[in-house]
Amino acid sequence: MLQLLNLSKVILLFFVCSVININCKSKNGKTNTPLTIENIAGVYTITDAKIKTGDTEKDVYNSFNDCQKNNTYGFNKDMVWYLGGVARQTCTGPDDSGTWSLNGNTLTINSQQSGAYQYTITDFNGSLMVAESQSDNNGKQETLITTFTKKQ
């Protein structure tokens, strides 16, 4: 349970800290959907996660358990944020909620359980949102690259 909670906090931390730089075009060359509260608002799941250290990228999504893969991250238009699905009968760990804000491509999440985090949205097409955050891991700079897919 502690391991799941810690990984959820790491993902939250990286997700919130990765909204600083955004390109005018998405990775596939198409124009990004404008970053607005209305366009971001919705419910997402994580569909990819990687940690990049220097020139090396490591997939971490495949190490997620089913509960982590099925968690939902909600961004309401009224600026309420939530992490849901963790506390289902078959999963352990707490759900979370708080507030969120958007300033340019900087996304800030204020979690009731974990505090404030900032992320840089690097790609957004209305359905997929790629967010990056930086951290220091024993003196090594790491970037967590997380892809969120909006649920229909």
Protein backbone atom coordinates (compact mmCIF):
# COMPACT_ATOMS: atom_id res chain seq x y z
CA MET A 1 0.00 0.00 0.00
CA LEU A 2 2.81 2.40 0.86
CA GLN A 3 4.55 1.61 -2.43
CA LEU A 4 1.36 2.39 -4.41
CA LEU A 5 0.86 5.62 -2.48
CA ASN A 6 4.48 6.66 -3.04
CA LEU A 7 4.31 5.92 -6.78
CA SER A 8 1.04 7.84 -7.04
CA LYS A 9 2.70 10.80 -5.30
CA VAL A 10 5.71 10.59 -7.63
CA ILE A 11 3.40 10.55 -10.65
CA LEU A 12 1.42 13.45 -9.21
CA LEU A 13 4.62 15.36 -8.47
CA PHE A 14 5.99 14.78 -11.95
CA PHE A 15 2.65 15.53 -13.58
CA VAL A 16 2.24 18.81 -11.77
CA CYS A 17 5.87 19.91 -12.26
CA SER A 18 5.90 19.44 -16.00
CA VAL A 19 3.81 22.29 -17.40
CA ILE A 20 6.52 24.90 -18.14
CA ASN A 21 7.36 24.70 -21.89
CA ILE A 22 4.96 24.00 -24.76
CA ASN A 23 5.62 23.92 -28.47
CA CYS A 24 3.38 25.46 -31.14
CA LYS A 25 3.14 22.10 -32.84
CA SER A 26 2.57 18.67 -31.41
CA LYS A 27 5.07 15.86 -31.84
CA ASN A 28 3.22 14.63 -34.90
CA GLY A 29 3.44 18.08 -36.54
CA LYS A 30 -0.21 19.02 -36.06
CA THR A 31 -1.15 22.29 -34.40
CA ASN A 32 -1.88 21.94 -30.70
CA THR A 33 -5.31 22.61 -29.28
CA PRO A 34 -5.17 25.88 -27.31
CA LEU A 35 -4.36 25.41 -23.64
CA THR A 36 -7.45 26.71 -21.92
CA ILE A 37 -9.34 25.65 -18.83
CA GLU A 38 -12.28 24.58 -21.01
CA ASN A 39 -10.10 22.45 -23.32
CA ILE A 40 -8.18 20.74 -20.52
CA ALA A 41 -11.24 20.11 -18.33
CA GLY A 42 -12.13 16.43 -18.29
CA VAL A 43 -11.20 13.04 -16.89
CA TYR A 44 -7.91 11.40 -17.88
CA THR A 45 -6.01 8.17 -17.38
CA ILE A 46 -2.27 7.72 -17.71
CA THR A 47 -1.47 5.81 -20.90
CA ASP A 48 2.32 6.19 -20.98
CA ALA A 49 5.06 7.20 -18.54
CA LYS A 50 8.80 7.41 -19.03
CA ILE A 51 11.73 8.67 -17.00
CA LYS A 52 14.48 10.38 -18.96
CA THR A 53 17.96 10.75 -17.51
CA GLY A 54 20.39 12.42 -19.92
CA ASP A 55 19.94 10.65 -23.26
CA THR A 56 18.38 7.54 -21.71
CA GLU A 57 14.62 6.97 -21.50
CA LYS A 58 13.15 4.22 -19.35
CA ASP A 59 9.55 3.06 -19.64
CA VAL A 60 7.86 3.05 -16.24
CA TYR A 61 4.25 2.63 -17.38
CA ASN A 62 4.72 -1.12 -17.85
CA SER A 63 5.66 -1.38 -14.16
CA PHE A 64 2.30 0.11 -13.09
CA ASN A 65 -0.22 -2.28 -11.61
CA ASP A 66 -3.84 -2.40 -12.83
CA CYS A 67 -5.00 -0.02 -10.11
CA GLN A 68 -2.45 2.60 -11.12
CA LYS A 69 -3.30 2.20 -14.80
CA ASN A 70 -7.02 2.66 -14.08
CA ASN A 71 -6.73 5.70 -11.80
CA THR A 72 -8.56 8.74 -13.10
CA TYR A 73 -7.29 12.30 -12.93
CA GLY A 74 -10.09 14.84 -13.12
CA PHE A 75 -9.76 18.52 -13.98
CA ASN A 76 -13.11 20.22 -13.48
CA LYS A 77 -13.98 23.59 -15.06
CA ASP A 78 -14.59 24.94 -11.55
CA MET A 79 -10.84 24.35 -10.89
CA VAL A 80 -11.39 21.31 -8.65
CA TRP A 81 -8.87 18.50 -9.23
CA TYR A 82 -9.21 14.89 -8.14
CA LEU A 83 -7.41 11.55 -8.29
CA GLY A 84 -9.94 8.74 -8.21
CA GLY A 85 -10.24 5.02 -8.46
CA VAL A 86 -7.45 4.13 -6.06
CA ALA A 87 -9.75 3.37 -3.15
CA ARG A 88 -11.87 0.80 -4.99
CA GLN A 89 -12.50 -2.47 -3.25
CA THR A 90 -9.67 -4.26 -5.09
CA CYS A 91 -7.17 -1.38 -4.79
CA THR A 92 -5.44 0.11 -1.80
CA GLY A 93 -4.39 3.66 -1.21
CA PRO A 94 -6.27 6.91 -0.85
CA ASP A 95 -8.04 8.97 -3.45
CA ASP A 96 -7.08 12.65 -3.46
CA SER A 97 -8.51 16.02 -4.42
CA GLY A 98 -7.66 19.69 -4.40
CA THR A 99 -7.52 22.56 -6.86
CA TRP A 100 -5.75 23.22 -10.13
CA SER A 101 -4.76 26.27 -12.12
CA LEU A 102 -3.37 27.00 -15.56
CA ASN A 103 -1.00 29.84 -16.40
CA GLY A 104 0.19 29.57 -19.99
CA ASN A 105 1.52 26.02 -20.21
CA THR A 106 2.18 25.78 -16.47
CA LEU A 107 -0.26 23.51 -14.69
CA THR A 108 -0.35 23.74 -10.92
CA ILE A 109 -2.09 21.15 -8.78
CA ASN A 110 -2.71 21.78 -5.09
CA SER A 111 -3.26 18.32 -3.63
CA GLN A 112 -4.88 18.00 -0.21
CA GLN A 113 -2.59 15.06 0.58
CA SER A 114 0.68 15.97 -1.13
CA GLY A 115 0.88 19.76 -1.45
CA ALA A 116 1.48 21.86 -4.55
CA TYR A 117 3.11 20.64 -7.77
CA GLN A 118 3.86 22.29 -11.10
CA TYR A 119 4.07 20.64 -14.51
CA THR A 120 4.92 21.73 -18.03
CA ILE A 121 2.45 20.70 -20.71
CA THR A 122 4.60 19.96 -23.75
CA ASP A 123 1.91 18.61 -26.06
CA PHE A 124 -1.88 18.85 -26.06
CA ASN A 125 -4.29 17.97 -28.85
CA GLY A 126 -7.57 17.93 -26.93
CA SER A 127 -7.45 14.18 -26.30
CA LEU A 128 -3.81 13.58 -25.31
CA MET A 129 -1.89 15.71 -22.86
CA VAL A 130 1.85 15.19 -22.40
CA ALA A 131 3.24 16.70 -19.22
CA GLU A 132 6.82 16.81 -18.01
CA SER A 133 8.34 17.49 -14.65
CA GLN A 134 11.89 17.64 -13.38
CA SER A 135 13.36 16.10 -10.27
CA ASP A 136 16.74 15.47 -8.72
CA ASN A 137 17.44 11.81 -7.98
CA ASN A 138 20.63 11.57 -5.93
CA GLY A 139 22.28 14.33 -7.92
CA LYS A 140 20.99 13.16 -11.31
CA GLN A 141 18.47 15.36 -13.11
CA GLU A 142 15.45 13.33 -14.24
CA THR A 143 12.44 14.20 -16.35
CA LEU A 144 9.20 12.29 -15.96
CA ILE A 145 7.23 12.35 -19.21
CA THR A 146 3.61 11.38 -18.65
CA THR A 147 0.93 10.97 -21.31
CA PHE A 148 -2.65 11.44 -20.19
CA THR A 149 -5.56 10.35 -22.39
CA LYS A 150 -8.92 12.05 -21.94
CA LYS A 151 -11.79 9.64 -21.39
CA GLN A 152 -14.79 10.09 -23.68
